C-alpha cells in the first residue's frame, strides 16, 4: 500500500469519527455490545473497506502491525456482550480470571 492510500484511509476514517461524535450518531448505537461494535466499525470504515461492519475472514496487517487473526475473531466477538461494562478495571479483572 502506498503512503498516499494510507493517508486517505486515515483521513476518511477520522472524518467519520468526528461525525460520529459531533452529529451525535453515537447516541443511536448500543455501545458495549457486539451489535454496537459492528455499527461503529461500519460507520468509521464505510468509505475504506468492503468488510466494514463484518467479521473478517482474512488476516490483515499494516506495516509491521498485524491485527487480530481472523480465526479468533468469532470467538472473541462472541464474548463482548458478556463483558463487564462498569469500568476498565472490572473488565480487566474478569478477563484475567476467565
C-alpha atoms as a PDB file:
ATOM      1  CA  UNK A   1       0.000   0.000   0.000  1.00  0.00           C
ATOM      2  CA  UNK A   2       1.258   3.442  -0.799  1.00  0.00           C
ATOM      3  CA  UNK A   3       1.546   6.240   1.735  1.00  0.00           C
ATOM      4  CA  UNK A   4      -0.983   8.203  -0.309  1.00  0.00           C
ATOM      5  CA  UNK A   5      -3.584   5.450   0.127  1.00  0.00           C
ATOM      6  CA  UNK A   6      -2.849   5.103   3.839  1.00  0.00           C
ATOM      7  CA  UNK A   7      -3.190   8.857   4.345  1.00  0.00           C
ATOM      8  CA  UNK A   8      -6.540   8.813   2.536  1.00  0.00           C
ATOM      9  CA  UNK A   9      -7.722   5.846   4.626  1.00  0.00           C
ATOM     10  CA  UNK A  10      -6.718   7.634   7.813  1.00  0.00           C
ATOM     11  CA  UNK A  11      -8.343  10.907   6.749  1.00  0.00           C
ATOM     12  CA  UNK A  12     -11.658   9.281   5.796  1.00  0.00           C
ATOM     13  CA  UNK A  13     -11.929   7.207   8.967  1.00  0.00           C
ATOM     14  CA  UNK A  14     -11.036  10.189  11.188  1.00  0.00           C
ATOM     15  CA  UNK A  15     -13.607  12.322   9.385  1.00  0.00           C
ATOM     16  CA  UNK A  16     -16.235   9.653  10.110  1.00  0.00           C
ATOM     17  CA  UNK A  17     -15.132   9.500  13.774  1.00  0.00           C
ATOM     18  CA  UNK A  18     -15.670  13.242  14.109  1.00  0.00           C
ATOM     19  CA  UNK A  19     -19.129  12.898  12.530  1.00  0.00           C
ATOM     20  CA  UNK A  20     -19.961  10.015  14.859  1.00  0.00           C
ATOM     21  CA  UNK A  21     -19.437  12.318  17.871  1.00  0.00           C
ATOM     22  CA  UNK A  22     -20.301  15.781  16.569  1.00  0.00           C
ATOM     23  CA  UNK A  23     -23.557  14.695  14.941  1.00  0.00           C
ATOM     24  CA  UNK A  24     -24.494  12.515  17.966  1.00  0.00           C
ATOM     25  CA  UNK A  25     -24.705   9.406  15.808  1.00  0.00           C
ATOM     26  CA  UNK A  26     -23.017   7.511  18.630  1.00  0.00           C
ATOM     27  CA  UNK A  27     -26.135   8.112  20.739  1.00  0.00           C
ATOM     28  CA  UNK A  28     -28.151   5.852  18.423  1.00  0.00           C
ATOM     29  CA  UNK A  29     -25.685   2.964  18.822  1.00  0.00           C
ATOM     30  CA  UNK A  30     -25.885   0.358  21.555  1.00  0.00           C
ATOM     31  CA  UNK A  31     -22.318   0.885  22.777  1.00  0.00           C
ATOM     32  CA  UNK A  32     -20.755  -2.003  24.689  1.00  0.00           C
ATOM     33  CA  UNK A  33     -22.411  -4.712  22.606  1.00  0.00           C
ATOM     34  CA  UNK A  34     -21.277  -6.756  19.622  1.00  0.00           C
ATOM     35  CA  UNK A  35     -24.055  -5.162  17.576  1.00  0.00           C
ATOM     36  CA  UNK A  36     -22.801  -1.719  18.557  1.00  0.00           C
ATOM     37  CA  UNK A  37     -19.217  -2.627  17.681  1.00  0.00           C
ATOM     38  CA  UNK A  38     -20.329  -3.712  14.198  1.00  0.00           C
ATOM     39  CA  UNK A  39     -22.268  -0.456  13.780  1.00  0.00           C
ATOM     40  CA  UNK A  40     -19.310   1.683  14.860  1.00  0.00           C
ATOM     41  CA  UNK A  41     -16.940  -0.258  12.589  1.00  0.00           C
ATOM     42  CA  UNK A  42     -19.367   0.124   9.685  1.00  0.00           C
ATOM     43  CA  UNK A  43     -19.653   3.851  10.215  1.00  0.00           C
ATOM     44  CA  UNK A  44     -15.939   4.523  10.684  1.00  0.00           C
ATOM     45  CA  UNK A  45     -14.714   2.445   7.757  1.00  0.00           C
ATOM     46  CA  UNK A  46     -17.618   2.568   5.279  1.00  0.00           C
ATOM     47  CA  UNK A  47     -15.552   4.607   2.816  1.00  0.00           C
ATOM     48  CA  UNK A  48     -12.451   2.462   3.163  1.00  0.00           C
ATOM     49  CA  UNK A  49     -13.156  -1.284   3.441  1.00  0.00           C
ATOM     50  CA  UNK A  50     -15.648  -3.621   1.806  1.00  0.00           C
ATOM     51  CA  UNK A  51     -15.653  -5.623   5.046  1.00  0.00           C
ATOM     52  CA  UNK A  52     -16.629  -2.641   7.235  1.00  0.00           C
ATOM     53  CA  UNK A  53     -19.008  -3.889   9.906  1.00  0.00           C
ATOM     54  CA  UNK A  54     -18.448  -7.544   9.046  1.00  0.00           C
ATOM     55  CA  UNK A  55     -16.258 -10.187  10.639  1.00  0.00           C
ATOM     56  CA  UNK A  56     -13.080 -10.542   8.610  1.00  0.00           C
ATOM     57  CA  UNK A  57     -12.252 -13.908   7.128  1.00  0.00           C
ATOM     58  CA  UNK A  58      -8.682 -12.973   6.201  1.00  0.00           C
ATOM     59  CA  UNK A  59      -5.716 -11.787   8.237  1.00  0.00           C
ATOM     60  CA  UNK A  60      -4.646  -8.194   7.717  1.00  0.00           C
ATOM     61  CA  UNK A  61      -1.624  -6.118   8.666  1.00  0.00           C
ATOM     62  CA  UNK A  62      -0.465  -2.556   8.314  1.00  0.00           C
ATOM     63  CA  UNK A  63       3.274  -2.037   8.229  1.00  0.00           C
ATOM     64  CA  UNK A  64       4.781  -4.225  10.944  1.00  0.00           C
ATOM     65  CA  UNK A  65       1.499  -4.468  12.894  1.00  0.00           C
ATOM     66  CA  UNK A  66      -0.780  -7.489  12.480  1.00  0.00           C
ATOM     67  CA  UNK A  67      -4.412  -7.110  13.510  1.00  0.00           C
ATOM     68  CA  UNK A  68      -6.259  -9.853  15.416  1.00  0.00           C
ATOM     69  CA  UNK A  69      -6.097 -13.101  13.482  1.00  0.00           C
ATOM     70  CA  UNK A  70      -9.277 -13.901  11.598  1.00  0.00           C
ATOM     71  CA  UNK A  71      -9.529 -17.412  13.043  1.00  0.00           C
ATOM     72  CA  UNK A  72     -10.006 -15.954  16.553  1.00  0.00           C
ATOM     73  CA  UNK A  73     -12.386 -13.098  15.776  1.00  0.00           C
ATOM     74  CA  UNK A  74     -15.633 -15.070  16.002  1.00  0.00           C
ATOM     75  CA  UNK A  75     -14.922 -16.409  19.493  1.00  0.00           C
ATOM     76  CA  UNK A  76     -13.606 -13.079  20.732  1.00  0.00           C
ATOM     77  CA  UNK A  77     -16.600 -11.143  19.428  1.00  0.00           C
ATOM     78  CA  UNK A  78     -18.995 -13.681  20.936  1.00  0.00           C
ATOM     79  CA  UNK A  79     -17.709 -12.732  24.404  1.00  0.00           C
ATOM     80  CA  UNK A  80     -18.205  -8.989  24.083  1.00  0.00           C
ATOM     81  CA  UNK A  81     -21.830  -9.000  25.212  1.00  0.00           C
ATOM     82  CA  UNK A  82     -20.817 -10.903  28.359  1.00  0.00           C
ATOM     83  CA  UNK A  83     -18.065  -8.454  29.331  1.00  0.00           C
ATOM     84  CA  UNK A  84     -18.497  -6.136  32.271  1.00  0.00           C
ATOM     85  CA  UNK A  85     -19.166  -2.567  31.276  1.00  0.00           C
ATOM     86  CA  UNK A  86     -18.943  -0.707  34.557  1.00  0.00           C
ATOM     87  CA  UNK A  87     -15.287   0.245  34.365  1.00  0.00           C
ATOM     88  CA  UNK A  88     -11.982  -0.720  32.813  1.00  0.00           C
ATOM     89  CA  UNK A  89     -10.555  -2.286  35.997  1.00  0.00           C
ATOM     90  CA  UNK A  90     -13.540  -4.633  36.282  1.00  0.00           C
ATOM     91  CA  UNK A  91     -13.195  -5.694  32.660  1.00  0.00           C
ATOM     92  CA  UNK A  92      -9.511  -6.491  33.155  1.00  0.00           C
ATOM     93  CA  UNK A  93     -10.228  -8.383  36.390  1.00  0.00           C
ATOM     94  CA  UNK A  94     -12.965 -10.513  34.803  1.00  0.00           C
ATOM     95  CA  UNK A  95     -10.973 -11.248  31.644  1.00  0.00           C
ATOM     96  CA  UNK A  96      -7.938 -12.240  33.705  1.00  0.00           C
ATOM     97  CA  UNK A  97      -9.871 -14.726  35.827  1.00  0.00           C
ATOM     98  CA  UNK A  98     -11.552 -16.461  32.891  1.00  0.00           C
END
